[in-house]
C-alpha atoms as a PDB file:
ATOM      1  CA  UNK A   1     114.418  98.174  86.556  1.00  0.00           C
ATOM      2  CA  UNK A   2     111.009  99.262  87.833  1.00  0.00           C
ATOM      3  CA  UNK A   3     110.818 102.912  88.843  1.00  0.00           C
ATOM      4  CA  UNK A   4     108.600 103.363  91.888  1.00  0.00           C
ATOM      5  CA  UNK A   5     107.448 106.667  93.328  1.00  0.00           C
ATOM      6  CA  UNK A   6     106.974 106.268  97.073  1.00  0.00           C
ATOM      7  CA  UNK A   7     104.501 108.504  98.902  1.00  0.00           C
ATOM      8  CA  UNK A   8     105.110 108.246 102.631  1.00  0.00           C
ATOM      9  CA  UNK A   9     104.701 110.350 105.732  1.00  0.00           C
ATOM     10  CA  UNK A  10     108.461 110.427 106.378  1.00  0.00           C
ATOM     11  CA  UNK A  11     111.103 112.133 104.252  1.00  0.00           C
ATOM     12  CA  UNK A  12     113.306 109.222 103.278  1.00  0.00           C
ATOM     13  CA  UNK A  13     116.545 111.209 103.068  1.00  0.00           C
ATOM     14  CA  UNK A  14     115.997 112.457 106.619  1.00  0.00           C
ATOM     15  CA  UNK A  15     115.143 108.934 107.756  1.00  0.00           C
ATOM     16  CA  UNK A  16     118.306 107.511 106.178  1.00  0.00           C
ATOM     17  CA  UNK A  17     120.464 110.091 107.920  1.00  0.00           C
ATOM     18  CA  UNK A  18     118.821 109.080 111.192  1.00  0.00           C
ATOM     19  CA  UNK A  19     119.641 105.460 110.385  1.00  0.00           C
ATOM     20  CA  UNK A  20     123.305 106.302 109.812  1.00  0.00           C
ATOM     21  CA  UNK A  21     123.336 107.978 113.235  1.00  0.00           C
ATOM     22  CA  UNK A  22     121.774 104.885 114.815  1.00  0.00           C
ATOM     23  CA  UNK A  23     118.416 106.585 115.395  1.00  0.00           C
ATOM     24  CA  UNK A  24     116.305 104.456 113.003  1.00  0.00           C
ATOM     25  CA  UNK A  25     115.950 100.692 112.820  1.00  0.00           C
ATOM     26  CA  UNK A  26     116.470 100.263 109.043  1.00  0.00           C
ATOM     27  CA  UNK A  27     117.833 102.294 106.096  1.00  0.00           C
ATOM     28  CA  UNK A  28     114.265 103.123 105.008  1.00  0.00           C
ATOM     29  CA  UNK A  29     110.900 102.989 106.822  1.00  0.00           C
ATOM     30  CA  UNK A  30     109.414  99.496 107.178  1.00  0.00           C
ATOM     31  CA  UNK A  31     112.595  98.020 105.647  1.00  0.00           C
ATOM     32  CA  UNK A  32     111.471  99.300 102.242  1.00  0.00           C
ATOM     33  CA  UNK A  33     115.039  99.144 100.915  1.00  0.00           C
ATOM     34  CA  UNK A  34     114.368  95.435 100.324  1.00  0.00           C
ATOM     35  CA  UNK A  35     112.463  96.430  97.160  1.00  0.00           C
ATOM     36  CA  UNK A  36     115.737  97.681  95.691  1.00  0.00           C
ATOM     37  CA  UNK A  37     117.056  94.125  95.881  1.00  0.00           C
ATOM     38  CA  UNK A  38     114.104  93.036  93.747  1.00  0.00           C
ATOM     39  CA  UNK A  39     114.727  95.368  90.831  1.00  0.00           C
ATOM     40  CA  UNK A  40     113.055  98.573  92.030  1.00  0.00           C
ATOM     41  CA  UNK A  41     114.485 102.053  91.754  1.00  0.00           C
ATOM     42  CA  UNK A  42     112.886 104.082  94.537  1.00  0.00           C
ATOM     43  CA  UNK A  43     112.093 107.782  94.305  1.00  0.00           C
ATOM     44  CA  UNK A  44     110.146 109.768  96.850  1.00  0.00           C
ATOM     45  CA  UNK A  45     108.338 113.059  97.088  1.00  0.00           C
ATOM     46  CA  UNK A  46     109.710 115.271  99.817  1.00  0.00           C
ATOM     47  CA  UNK A  47     107.698 117.286 102.294  1.00  0.00           C
ATOM     48  CA  UNK A  48     108.463 121.008 102.544  1.00  0.00           C
ATOM     49  CA  UNK A  49     109.113 122.178 106.079  1.00  0.00           C
ATOM     50  CA  UNK A  50     109.782 125.853 105.278  1.00  0.00           C
ATOM     51  CA  UNK A  51     107.714 128.083 107.555  1.00  0.00           C
ATOM     52  CA  UNK A  52     105.730 129.989 104.879  1.00  0.00           C
ATOM     53  CA  UNK A  53     104.226 126.785 103.505  1.00  0.00           C
ATOM     54  CA  UNK A  54     103.888 124.675 106.601  1.00  0.00           C
ATOM     55  CA  UNK A  55     100.901 126.253 108.354  1.00  0.00           C
ATOM     56  CA  UNK A  56      98.486 126.541 105.370  1.00  0.00           C
ATOM     57  CA  UNK A  57      99.413 123.030 104.273  1.00  0.00           C
ATOM     58  CA  UNK A  58      98.842 121.577 107.731  1.00  0.00           C
ATOM     59  CA  UNK A  59      95.510 123.377 108.082  1.00  0.00           C
ATOM     60  CA  UNK A  60      94.287 122.153 104.687  1.00  0.00           C
ATOM     61  CA  UNK A  61      95.372 118.568 105.243  1.00  0.00           C
ATOM     62  CA  UNK A  62      93.895 118.491 108.735  1.00  0.00           C
ATOM     63  CA  UNK A  63      90.533 119.809 107.575  1.00  0.00           C
ATOM     64  CA  UNK A  64      90.238 117.565 104.528  1.00  0.00           C
ATOM     65  CA  UNK A  65      91.888 114.455 105.964  1.00  0.00           C
ATOM     66  CA  UNK A  66      93.806 114.086 102.708  1.00  0.00           C
ATOM     67  CA  UNK A  67      97.602 114.612 102.566  1.00  0.00           C
ATOM     68  CA  UNK A  68      98.148 116.401  99.260  1.00  0.00           C
ATOM     69  CA  UNK A  69     101.633 117.875  99.317  1.00  0.00           C
ATOM     70  CA  UNK A  70     103.530 114.750  98.360  1.00  0.00           C
ATOM     71  CA  UNK A  71     101.106 113.960  95.564  1.00  0.00           C
ATOM     72  CA  UNK A  72     101.612 117.469  94.173  1.00  0.00           C
ATOM     73  CA  UNK A  73     105.380 117.481  94.594  1.00  0.00           C
ATOM     74  CA  UNK A  74     105.613 113.939  93.224  1.00  0.00           C
ATOM     75  CA  UNK A  75     103.753 114.683  89.985  1.00  0.00           C
ATOM     76  CA  UNK A  76     106.954 115.180  87.961  1.00  0.00           C
ATOM     77  CA  UNK A  77     108.397 111.931  89.281  1.00  0.00           C
ATOM     78  CA  UNK A  78     105.083 110.148  88.704  1.00  0.00           C
ATOM     79  CA  UNK A  79     105.229 111.073  85.027  1.00  0.00           C
ATOM     80  CA  UNK A  80     108.379 108.954  84.743  1.00  0.00           C
ATOM     81  CA  UNK A  81     107.467 106.248  87.249  1.00  0.00           C
ATOM     82  CA  UNK A  82     106.194 102.773  86.464  1.00  0.00           C
ATOM     83  CA  UNK A  83     104.191 102.521  89.676  1.00  0.00           C
ATOM     84  CA  UNK A  84     103.191 104.692  92.632  1.00  0.00           C
ATOM     85  CA  UNK A  85     103.281 103.055  96.074  1.00  0.00           C
ATOM     86  CA  UNK A  86     101.511 104.857  98.925  1.00  0.00           C
ATOM     87  CA  UNK A  87     102.545 104.133 102.533  1.00  0.00           C
ATOM     88  CA  UNK A  88     100.105 104.104 104.380  1.00  0.00           C
ATOM     89  CA  UNK A  89      96.555 104.465 103.101  1.00  0.00           C
ATOM     90  CA  UNK A  90      96.218 108.207 103.753  1.00  0.00           C
ATOM     91  CA  UNK A  91      99.126 108.938 101.425  1.00  0.00           C
ATOM     92  CA  UNK A  92      97.182 107.302  98.601  1.00  0.00           C
ATOM     93  CA  UNK A  93      93.997 109.334  98.952  1.00  0.00           C
ATOM     94  CA  UNK A  94      95.028 112.320  96.815  1.00  0.00           C
ATOM     95  CA  UNK A  95      96.458 110.110  94.060  1.00  0.00           C
ATOM     96  CA  UNK A  96      93.388 107.880  94.221  1.00  0.00           C
ATOM     97  CA  UNK A  97      91.182 110.883  93.590  1.00  0.00           C
ATOM     98  CA  UNK A  98      93.461 112.124  90.793  1.00  0.00           C
ATOM     99  CA  UNK A  99      93.159 108.741  89.062  1.00  0.00           C
ATOM    100  CA  UNK A 100      89.417 108.748  89.585  1.00  0.00           C
ATOM    101  CA  UNK A 101      89.174 112.167  87.932  1.00  0.00           C
ATOM    102  CA  UNK A 102      91.662 111.185  85.168  1.00  0.00           C
ATOM    103  CA  UNK A 103      94.145 113.877  86.188  1.00  0.00           C
ATOM    104  CA  UNK A 104      97.608 113.374  84.669  1.00  0.00           C
ATOM    105  CA  UNK A 105     100.192 112.084  85.307  1.00  0.00           C
ATOM    106  CA  UNK A 106      98.547 109.872  87.931  1.00  0.00           C
ATOM    107  CA  UNK A 107      95.716 108.855  85.607  1.00  0.00           C
ATOM    108  CA  UNK A 108      97.968 106.477  83.686  1.00  0.00           C
ATOM    109  CA  UNK A 109     100.334 105.337  86.465  1.00  0.00           C
ATOM    110  CA  UNK A 110      99.413 102.195  88.452  1.00  0.00           C
ATOM    111  CA  UNK A 111      98.665 102.954  92.098  1.00  0.00           C
ATOM    112  CA  UNK A 112      99.399 100.556  94.939  1.00  0.00           C
ATOM    113  CA  UNK A 113      98.045 101.503  98.374  1.00  0.00           C
ATOM    114  CA  UNK A 114      99.805  99.705 101.231  1.00  0.00           C
ATOM    115  CA  UNK A 115      97.233  99.775 104.023  1.00  0.00           C
ATOM    116  CA  UNK A 116      97.070  98.883 107.671  1.00  0.00           C
ATOM    117  CA  UNK A 117      93.732 100.094 109.058  1.00  0.00           C
ATOM    118  CA  UNK A 118      91.625 100.576 105.932  1.00  0.00           C
ATOM    119  CA  UNK A 119      89.633  97.340 106.119  1.00  0.00           C
ATOM    120  CA  UNK A 120      88.937  97.783 109.818  1.00  0.00           C
ATOM    121  CA  UNK A 121      87.843 101.379 109.314  1.00  0.00           C
ATOM    122  CA  UNK A 122      85.531 100.399 106.470  1.00  0.00           C
ATOM    123  CA  UNK A 123      83.751  98.059 108.879  1.00  0.00           C
ATOM    124  CA  UNK A 124      83.463 100.513 111.765  1.00  0.00           C
ATOM    125  CA  UNK A 125      82.884 103.763 109.836  1.00  0.00           C
ATOM    126  CA  UNK A 126      79.576 105.555 109.494  1.00  0.00           C
ATOM    127  CA  UNK A 127      77.987 105.228 106.029  1.00  0.00           C
ATOM    128  CA  UNK A 128      79.124 108.765 105.169  1.00  0.00           C
ATOM    129  CA  UNK A 129      82.696 108.121 106.277  1.00  0.00           C
ATOM    130  CA  UNK A 130      82.743 104.768 104.457  1.00  0.00           C
ATOM    131  CA  UNK A 131      81.618 106.424 101.240  1.00  0.00           C
ATOM    132  CA  UNK A 132      84.371 109.035 101.623  1.00  0.00           C
ATOM    133  CA  UNK A 133      87.014 106.353 102.153  1.00  0.00           C
ATOM    134  CA  UNK A 134      85.886 104.400  99.126  1.00  0.00           C
ATOM    135  CA  UNK A 135      86.005 107.476  96.918  1.00  0.00           C
ATOM    136  CA  UNK A 136      89.638 107.909  97.942  1.00  0.00           C
ATOM    137  CA  UNK A 137      90.781 104.362  97.162  1.00  0.00           C
ATOM    138  CA  UNK A 138      88.353 103.038  94.528  1.00  0.00           C
ATOM    139  CA  UNK A 139      90.709 103.807  91.626  1.00  0.00           C
ATOM    140  CA  UNK A 140      93.709 102.002  93.127  1.00  0.00           C
ATOM    141  CA  UNK A 141      95.131  99.209  90.985  1.00  0.00           C
ATOM    142  CA  UNK A 142      96.143  97.191  94.050  1.00  0.00           C
ATOM    143  CA  UNK A 143      95.281  97.463  97.743  1.00  0.00           C
ATOM    144  CA  UNK A 144      97.344  95.444 100.199  1.00  0.00           C
ATOM    145  CA  UNK A 145      96.199  94.489 103.683  1.00  0.00           C
ATOM    146  CA  UNK A 146      97.320  92.463 106.691  1.00  0.00           C
ATOM    147  CA  UNK A 147      95.347  89.708 108.358  1.00  0.00           C
ATOM    148  CA  UNK A 148      92.955  87.179 106.828  1.00  0.00           C
ATOM    149  CA  UNK A 149      89.803  89.139 107.688  1.00  0.00           C
ATOM    150  CA  UNK A 150      90.636  91.949 105.269  1.00  0.00           C
ATOM    151  CA  UNK A 151      89.825  89.916 102.167  1.00  0.00           C
ATOM    152  CA  UNK A 152      86.119  89.552 102.951  1.00  0.00           C
ATOM    153  CA  UNK A 153      85.772  93.202 103.922  1.00  0.00           C
ATOM    154  CA  UNK A 154      87.387  94.509 100.744  1.00  0.00           C
ATOM    155  CA  UNK A 155      85.441  92.028  98.614  1.00  0.00           C
ATOM    156  CA  UNK A 156      82.199  93.214 100.209  1.00  0.00           C
ATOM    157  CA  UNK A 157      83.201  96.772  99.272  1.00  0.00           C
ATOM    158  CA  UNK A 158      83.444  95.826  95.612  1.00  0.00           C
ATOM    159  CA  UNK A 159      87.145  95.089  95.148  1.00  0.00           C
ATOM    160  CA  UNK A 160      87.895  92.068  92.987  1.00  0.00           C
ATOM    161  CA  UNK A 161      90.457  89.467  94.027  1.00  0.00           C
ATOM    162  CA  UNK A 162      92.833  90.786  91.345  1.00  0.00           C
ATOM    163  CA  UNK A 163      92.918  94.190  93.056  1.00  0.00           C
ATOM    164  CA  UNK A 164      93.662  93.128  96.632  1.00  0.00           C
ATOM    165  CA  UNK A 165      96.616  91.336  98.200  1.00  0.00           C
ATOM    166  CA  UNK A 166      97.219  89.984 101.693  1.00  0.00           C
ATOM    167  CA  UNK A 167     100.806  90.579 102.755  1.00  0.00           C
ATOM    168  CA  UNK A 168     102.716  88.888 105.540  1.00  0.00           C
ATOM    169  CA  UNK A 169     103.576  91.495 108.152  1.00  0.00           C
ATOM    170  CA  UNK A 170     107.337  91.657 108.481  1.00  0.00           C
ATOM    171  CA  UNK A 171     109.666  93.150 111.095  1.00  0.00           C
ATOM    172  CA  UNK A 172     113.308  94.222 110.972  1.00  0.00           C
ATOM    173  CA  UNK A 173     114.975  91.098 112.329  1.00  0.00           C
ATOM    174  CA  UNK A 174     118.502  92.553 112.180  1.00  0.00           C
ATOM    175  CA  UNK A 175     117.510  95.273 114.637  1.00  0.00           C
ATOM    176  CA  UNK A 176     115.183  93.174 116.775  1.00  0.00           C
ATOM    177  CA  UNK A 177     117.765  90.492 117.482  1.00  0.00           C
ATOM    178  CA  UNK A 178     118.549  88.633 120.715  1.00  0.00           C
ATOM    179  CA  UNK A 179     120.822  90.663 122.967  1.00  0.00           C
ATOM    180  CA  UNK A 180     123.436  89.850 125.563  1.00  0.00           C
ATOM    181  CA  UNK A 181     121.453  91.317 128.459  1.00  0.00           C
ATOM    182  CA  UNK A 182     120.205  89.257 131.359  1.00  0.00           C
ATOM    183  CA  UNK A 183     116.522  88.459 130.994  1.00  0.00           C
ATOM    184  CA  UNK A 184     115.556  90.059 134.277  1.00  0.00           C
ATOM    185  CA  UNK A 185     112.001  91.163 133.378  1.00  0.00           C
ATOM    186  CA  UNK A 186     109.622  88.310 134.056  1.00  0.00           C
ATOM    187  CA  UNK A 187     106.594  89.524 132.090  1.00  0.00           C
ATOM    188  CA  UNK A 188     106.468  92.529 129.769  1.00  0.00           C
ATOM    189  CA  UNK A 189     103.498  93.978 127.877  1.00  0.00           C
ATOM    190  CA  UNK A 190     103.835  96.775 125.331  1.00  0.00           C
ATOM    191  CA  UNK A 191     101.300  98.502 123.100  1.00  0.00           C
ATOM    192  CA  UNK A 192      99.161 101.570 122.781  1.00  0.00           C
ATOM    193  CA  UNK A 193      96.593 101.017 120.036  1.00  0.00           C
ATOM    194  CA  UNK A 194      92.887 100.579 120.650  1.00  0.00           C
ATOM    195  CA  UNK A 195      93.082  96.847 120.098  1.00  0.00           C
ATOM    196  CA  UNK A 196      94.832  96.050 123.388  1.00  0.00           C
ATOM    197  CA  UNK A 197      92.853  94.076 125.962  1.00  0.00           C
ATOM    198  CA  UNK A 198      94.617  95.226 129.102  1.00  0.00           C
ATOM    199  CA  UNK A 199      91.479  94.603 131.109  1.00  0.00           C
ATOM    200  CA  UNK A 200      91.943  90.834 130.856  1.00  0.00           C
ATOM    201  CA  UNK A 201      95.691  90.987 131.504  1.00  0.00           C
ATOM    202  CA  UNK A 202      95.410  93.232 134.563  1.00  0.00           C
ATOM    203  CA  UNK A 203      92.629  91.076 135.983  1.00  0.00           C
ATOM    204  CA  UNK A 204      94.908  88.051 135.611  1.00  0.00           C
ATOM    205  CA  UNK A 205      97.677  89.767 137.573  1.00  0.00           C
ATOM    206  CA  UNK A 206      95.414  90.392 140.548  1.00  0.00           C
ATOM    207  CA  UNK A 207      95.998  86.760 141.507  1.00  0.00           C
ATOM    208  CA  UNK A 208      99.669  86.401 140.451  1.00  0.00           C
ATOM    209  CA  UNK A 209     102.669  86.820 142.727  1.00  0.00           C
ATOM    210  CA  UNK A 210     105.169  88.154 140.166  1.00  0.00           C
ATOM    211  CA  UNK A 211     105.305  91.561 138.469  1.00  0.00           C
ATOM    212  CA  UNK A 212     104.144  92.852 135.109  1.00  0.00           C
ATOM    213  CA  UNK A 213     106.062  95.652 133.403  1.00  0.00           C
ATOM    214  CA  UNK A 214     103.546  97.557 131.266  1.00  0.00           C
ATOM    215  CA  UNK A 215     104.510 100.069 128.559  1.00  0.00           C
ATOM    216  CA  UNK A 216     101.500 102.001 127.282  1.00  0.00           C
ATOM    217  CA  UNK A 217      99.704 105.335 127.310  1.00  0.00           C
ATOM    218  CA  UNK A 218      97.611 106.308 130.342  1.00  0.00           C
ATOM    219  CA  UNK A 219      94.474 106.239 128.212  1.00  0.00           C
ATOM    220  CA  UNK A 220      95.074 102.554 127.404  1.00  0.00           C
ATOM    221  CA  UNK A 221      94.322 101.665 131.016  1.00  0.00           C
ATOM    222  CA  UNK A 222      91.892 104.459 131.879  1.00  0.00           C
ATOM    223  CA  UNK A 223      89.149 103.163 134.140  1.00  0.00           C
ATOM    224  CA  UNK A 224      90.929  99.852 134.785  1.00  0.00           C
ATOM    225  CA  UNK A 225      92.056  98.598 138.186  1.00  0.00           C
ATOM    226  CA  UNK A 226      95.870  98.353 138.225  1.00  0.00           C
ATOM    227  CA  UNK A 227      97.138  95.751 140.714  1.00  0.00           C
ATOM    228  CA  UNK A 228     100.080  96.578 142.998  1.00  0.00           C
ATOM    229  CA  UNK A 229     102.373  94.160 141.144  1.00  0.00           C
ATOM    230  CA  UNK A 230     102.080  96.112 137.866  1.00  0.00           C
ATOM    231  CA  UNK A 231     104.871  98.584 137.093  1.00  0.00           C
ATOM    232  CA  UNK A 232     103.800 101.313 134.667  1.00  0.00           C
ATOM    233  CA  UNK A 233     106.424 102.755 132.333  1.00  0.00           C
ATOM    234  CA  UNK A 234     104.399 105.116 130.139  1.00  0.00           C
ATOM    235  CA  UNK A 235     105.766 105.205 126.596  1.00  0.00           C
ATOM    236  CA  UNK A 236     109.439 104.690 125.686  1.00  0.00           C
ATOM    237  CA  UNK A 237     111.747 105.367 122.759  1.00  0.00           C
ATOM    238  CA  UNK A 238     112.872 102.869 120.164  1.00  0.00           C
ATOM    239  CA  UNK A 239     116.189 101.944 121.783  1.00  0.00           C
ATOM    240  CA  UNK A 240     114.651 101.454 125.217  1.00  0.00           C
ATOM    241  CA  UNK A 241     111.809  99.421 123.722  1.00  0.00           C
ATOM    242  CA  UNK A 242     114.265  97.006 122.106  1.00  0.00           C
ATOM    243  CA  UNK A 243     116.243  96.788 125.335  1.00  0.00           C
ATOM    244  CA  UNK A 244     113.080  95.870 127.234  1.00  0.00           C
ATOM    245  CA  UNK A 245     112.301  93.100 124.734  1.00  0.00           C
ATOM    246  CA  UNK A 246     115.840  91.761 125.047  1.00  0.00           C
ATOM    247  CA  UNK A 247     115.487  91.713 128.836  1.00  0.00           C
ATOM    248  CA  UNK A 248     112.050  90.092 128.926  1.00  0.00           C
ATOM    249  CA  UNK A 249     111.486  86.436 129.707  1.00  0.00           C
ATOM    250  CA  UNK A 250     107.861  86.553 128.532  1.00  0.00           C
ATOM    251  CA  UNK A 251     106.074  89.154 126.415  1.00  0.00           C
ATOM    252  CA  UNK A 252     102.279  89.246 126.749  1.00  0.00           C
ATOM    253  CA  UNK A 253     100.185  90.604 123.870  1.00  0.00           C
ATOM    254  CA  UNK A 254      96.525  90.684 124.961  1.00  0.00           C
ATOM    255  CA  UNK A 255      94.202  91.991 122.251  1.00  0.00           C
ATOM    256  CA  UNK A 256      90.640  92.306 121.128  1.00  0.00           C
ATOM    257  CA  UNK A 257      89.729  90.991 117.683  1.00  0.00           C
ATOM    258  CA  UNK A 258      89.861  93.645 114.969  1.00  0.00           C
ATOM    259  CA  UNK A 259      89.948  93.312 111.196  1.00  0.00           C
ATOM    260  CA  UNK A 260      93.631  94.173 111.098  1.00  0.00           C
ATOM    261  CA  UNK A 261      95.986  91.991 113.217  1.00  0.00           C
ATOM    262  CA  UNK A 262      96.373  94.340 116.167  1.00  0.00           C
ATOM    263  CA  UNK A 263      99.367  93.422 118.322  1.00  0.00           C
ATOM    264  CA  UNK A 264     101.329  91.833 115.485  1.00  0.00           C
ATOM    265  CA  UNK A 265     104.216  94.328 115.529  1.00  0.00           C
ATOM    266  CA  UNK A 266     105.013  93.869 119.219  1.00  0.00           C
ATOM    267  CA  UNK A 267     104.425  90.119 119.084  1.00  0.00           C
ATOM    268  CA  UNK A 268     106.743  89.586 116.113  1.00  0.00           C
ATOM    269  CA  UNK A 269     109.396  92.033 117.310  1.00  0.00           C
ATOM    270  CA  UNK A 270     109.428  90.280 120.678  1.00  0.00           C
ATOM    271  CA  UNK A 271     109.644  86.905 118.960  1.00  0.00           C
ATOM    272  CA  UNK A 272     112.506  88.204 116.822  1.00  0.00           C
ATOM    273  CA  UNK A 273     114.503  88.988 119.978  1.00  0.00           C
ATOM    274  CA  UNK A 274     113.960  85.442 121.245  1.00  0.00           C
ATOM    275  CA  UNK A 275     111.255  86.093 123.824  1.00  0.00           C
ATOM    276  CA  UNK A 276     108.614  83.596 124.777  1.00  0.00           C
ATOM    277  CA  UNK A 277     105.457  85.265 123.419  1.00  0.00           C
ATOM    278  CA  UNK A 278     101.939  84.807 124.772  1.00  0.00           C
ATOM    279  CA  UNK A 279      99.214  86.337 122.620  1.00  0.00           C
ATOM    280  CA  UNK A 280      95.456  86.334 122.278  1.00  0.00           C
ATOM    281  CA  UNK A 281      94.274  83.705 119.800  1.00  0.00           C
ATOM    282  CA  UNK A 282      92.741  86.116 117.300  1.00  0.00           C
ATOM    283  CA  UNK A 283      92.764  85.069 113.625  1.00  0.00           C
ATOM    284  CA  UNK A 284      95.525  87.580 112.916  1.00  0.00           C
ATOM    285  CA  UNK A 285      97.917  86.540 115.680  1.00  0.00           C
ATOM    286  CA  UNK A 286      97.104  82.851 115.309  1.00  0.00           C
ATOM    287  CA  UNK A 287      98.481  83.104 111.775  1.00  0.00           C
ATOM    288  CA  UNK A 288     101.885  84.056 113.188  1.00  0.00           C
ATOM    289  CA  UNK A 289     102.223  81.564 116.061  1.00  0.00           C
ATOM    290  CA  UNK A 290     101.573  77.867 116.580  1.00  0.00           C
ATOM    291  CA  UNK A 291     100.464  77.264 120.149  1.00  0.00           C
ATOM    292  CA  UNK A 292     103.081  75.319 122.075  1.00  0.00           C
ATOM    293  CA  UNK A 293     105.550  75.354 119.169  1.00  0.00           C
ATOM    294  CA  UNK A 294     106.819  78.929 118.863  1.00  0.00           C
ATOM    295  CA  UNK A 295     104.469  80.778 121.211  1.00  0.00           C
ATOM    296  CA  UNK A 296     101.448  80.375 123.426  1.00  0.00           C
ATOM    297  CA  UNK A 297      97.915  81.451 122.541  1.00  0.00           C
ATOM    298  CA  UNK A 298      95.118  82.336 124.969  1.00  0.00           C
ATOM    299  CA  UNK A 299      91.414  82.554 124.041  1.00  0.00           C
ATOM    300  CA  UNK A 300      89.992  86.065 123.802  1.00  0.00           C
ATOM    301  CA  UNK A 301      89.117  87.571 127.176  1.00  0.00           C
ATOM    302  CA  UNK A 302      90.139  84.433 129.088  1.00  0.00           C
ATOM    303  CA  UNK A 303      91.472  85.825 132.387  1.00  0.00           C
ATOM    304  CA  UNK A 304      92.029  82.376 133.887  1.00  0.00           C
ATOM    305  CA  UNK A 305      93.817  81.296 130.713  1.00  0.00           C
ATOM    306  CA  UNK A 306      96.199  84.254 130.922  1.00  0.00           C
ATOM    307  CA  UNK A 307      96.874  83.540 134.582  1.00  0.00           C
ATOM    308  CA  UNK A 308      97.562  79.857 133.972  1.00  0.00           C
ATOM    309  CA  UNK A 309      99.855  80.277 130.959  1.00  0.00           C
ATOM    310  CA  UNK A 310     101.869  83.119 132.488  1.00  0.00           C
ATOM    311  CA  UNK A 311     102.355  81.257 135.764  1.00  0.00           C
ATOM    312  CA  UNK A 312     103.485  78.203 133.810  1.00  0.00           C
ATOM    313  CA  UNK A 313     106.012  80.095 131.690  1.00  0.00           C
ATOM    314  CA  UNK A 314     107.495  82.128 134.519  1.00  0.00           C
ATOM    315  CA  UNK A 315     108.344  78.894 136.358  1.00  0.00           C
ATOM    316  CA  UNK A 316     109.473  76.899 133.293  1.00  0.00           C
ATOM    317  CA  UNK A 317     112.742  78.251 131.890  1.00  0.00           C
ATOM    318  CA  UNK A 318     113.338  75.349 129.441  1.00  0.00           C
ATOM    319  CA  UNK A 319     109.922  75.963 127.845  1.00  0.00           C
ATOM    320  CA  UNK A 320     110.623  79.702 127.581  1.00  0.00           C
ATOM    321  CA  UNK A 321     113.964  79.072 125.899  1.00  0.00           C
ATOM    322  CA  UNK A 322     112.475  76.534 123.496  1.00  0.00           C
ATOM    323  CA  UNK A 323     109.614  78.817 122.507  1.00  0.00           C
ATOM    324  CA  UNK A 324     111.900  81.835 122.166  1.00  0.00           C
ATOM    325  CA  UNK A 325     114.398  80.033 119.925  1.00  0.00           C
ATOM    326  CA  UNK A 326     111.623  78.637 117.726  1.00  0.00           C
ATOM    327  CA  UNK A 327     109.960  82.060 117.535  1.00  0.00           C
ATOM    328  CA  UNK A 328     113.173  83.765 116.421  1.00  0.00           C
ATOM    329  CA  UNK A 329     113.732  81.119 113.745  1.00  0.00           C
ATOM    330  CA  UNK A 330     110.183  81.439 112.440  1.00  0.00           C
ATOM    331  CA  UNK A 331     110.227  85.234 112.284  1.00  0.00           C
ATOM    332  CA  UNK A 332     113.527  85.304 110.389  1.00  0.00           C
ATOM    333  CA  UNK A 333     112.217  82.709 107.944  1.00  0.00           C
ATOM    334  CA  UNK A 334     108.622  83.877 107.504  1.00  0.00           C
ATOM    335  CA  UNK A 335     107.956  87.284 109.042  1.00  0.00           C
ATOM    336  CA  UNK A 336     110.866  89.549 108.199  1.00  0.00           C
ATOM    337  CA  UNK A 337     110.490  92.815 106.305  1.00  0.00           C
ATOM    338  CA  UNK A 338     112.517  91.160 103.547  1.00  0.00           C
ATOM    339  CA  UNK A 339     109.779  88.529 103.142  1.00  0.00           C
ATOM    340  CA  UNK A 340     107.030  91.168 103.164  1.00  0.00           C
ATOM    341  CA  UNK A 341     108.561  93.262 100.386  1.00  0.00           C
ATOM    342  CA  UNK A 342     109.501  90.199  98.343  1.00  0.00           C
ATOM    343  CA  UNK A 343     105.845  89.194  98.388  1.00  0.00           C
ATOM    344  CA  UNK A 344     104.842  92.619  97.104  1.00  0.00           C
ATOM    345  CA  UNK A 345     107.518  92.645  94.393  1.00  0.00           C
ATOM    346  CA  UNK A 346     106.415  89.225  93.152  1.00  0.00           C
ATOM    347  CA  UNK A 347     102.745  90.209  93.185  1.00  0.00           C
ATOM    348  CA  UNK A 348     103.380  93.406  91.226  1.00  0.00           C
ATOM    349  CA  UNK A 349     105.267  91.411  88.607  1.00  0.00           C
ATOM    350  CA  UNK A 350     102.595  88.698  88.396  1.00  0.00           C
ATOM    351  CA  UNK A 351      99.815  91.284  88.074  1.00  0.00           C
ATOM    352  CA  UNK A 352     101.484  93.275  85.326  1.00  0.00           C
ATOM    353  CA  UNK A 353     102.355  96.330  87.418  1.00  0.00           C
ATOM    354  CA  UNK A 354     106.132  96.369  86.844  1.00  0.00           C
ATOM    355  CA  UNK A 355     108.355  97.223  83.887  1.00  0.00           C
ATOM    356  CA  UNK A 356     109.375  93.591  83.457  1.00  0.00           C
ATOM    357  CA  UNK A 357     105.832  92.244  83.450  1.00  0.00           C
ATOM    358  CA  UNK A 358     104.539  94.881  81.049  1.00  0.00           C
ATOM    359  CA  UNK A 359     107.465  94.319  78.661  1.00  0.00           C
ATOM    360  CA  UNK A 360     106.805  90.582  78.718  1.00  0.00           C
ATOM    361  CA  UNK A 361     103.204  91.067  77.622  1.00  0.00           C
END
């Protein structure tokens, strides 16, 4: 049994209670409970919400950009742990610095930082910011990333191949399952990160005669012309989001190209519910869909391409059903959270970062 200390933004006991009440999509964030099925005993450092401590903590963490409370509260658990896993990168900064400065107990405990945006931020950051980021993560024993572009970025920053790992992004397929609702939304688009290319999608709808239901923040479409056939929904909660996916005939995921695979969560969650997915053919999203087999891919910024593919799918129900069924099958087989955590468990064992692997050597 490998004892893992998890440093995460959420309190896991609170999250699990929300799951039991039907308010969370999995027993633990990101489906992390899958690690328990691979021989991991999970412990986590809790965050104190008592009023006397909350304000000074929040002020310090906001000013420094480094969450420290969980690292401090987790020190006792870290002394007994075989590995520390930080979710996401910010939660690893304090431990990374402690390892760098040889501060016990973190100095001797392997650190895994499970990242999403780190590689992209290293590319776009100012030299000063980049140096700060590297100081926070340089001592990590393993840095994971999503999307094929991350490998070159991290290698350029001095990380050897033995210290980085590309993971397959996985979604909770049991929650994002096909429903029994009528698919009465012709085209749906969802997403609020900076990687969305709503300019191309909205331009395409200026010459289409069916509606687009768009779920995003106002700032995502600031300065863009919104055609009359676009229905804006703002942002929605988890349950309503799933319901929209289950009602959609086609889900459009237009994106720019970033180092991390922006759009992958919505694209794979939509695919998991059996939608026909149309996505921008970035390297990240192209890794998750084969054009014409389990989704459709459109070149970056191709307004005419978006218009043509969407018009085709809206009028071709057999193609939508074929793509949606193939997408669901592929996600369950290759892009579930179970697959993602199995990959990490196997990599930790192979790289000598688990109890079993260290005993064997």
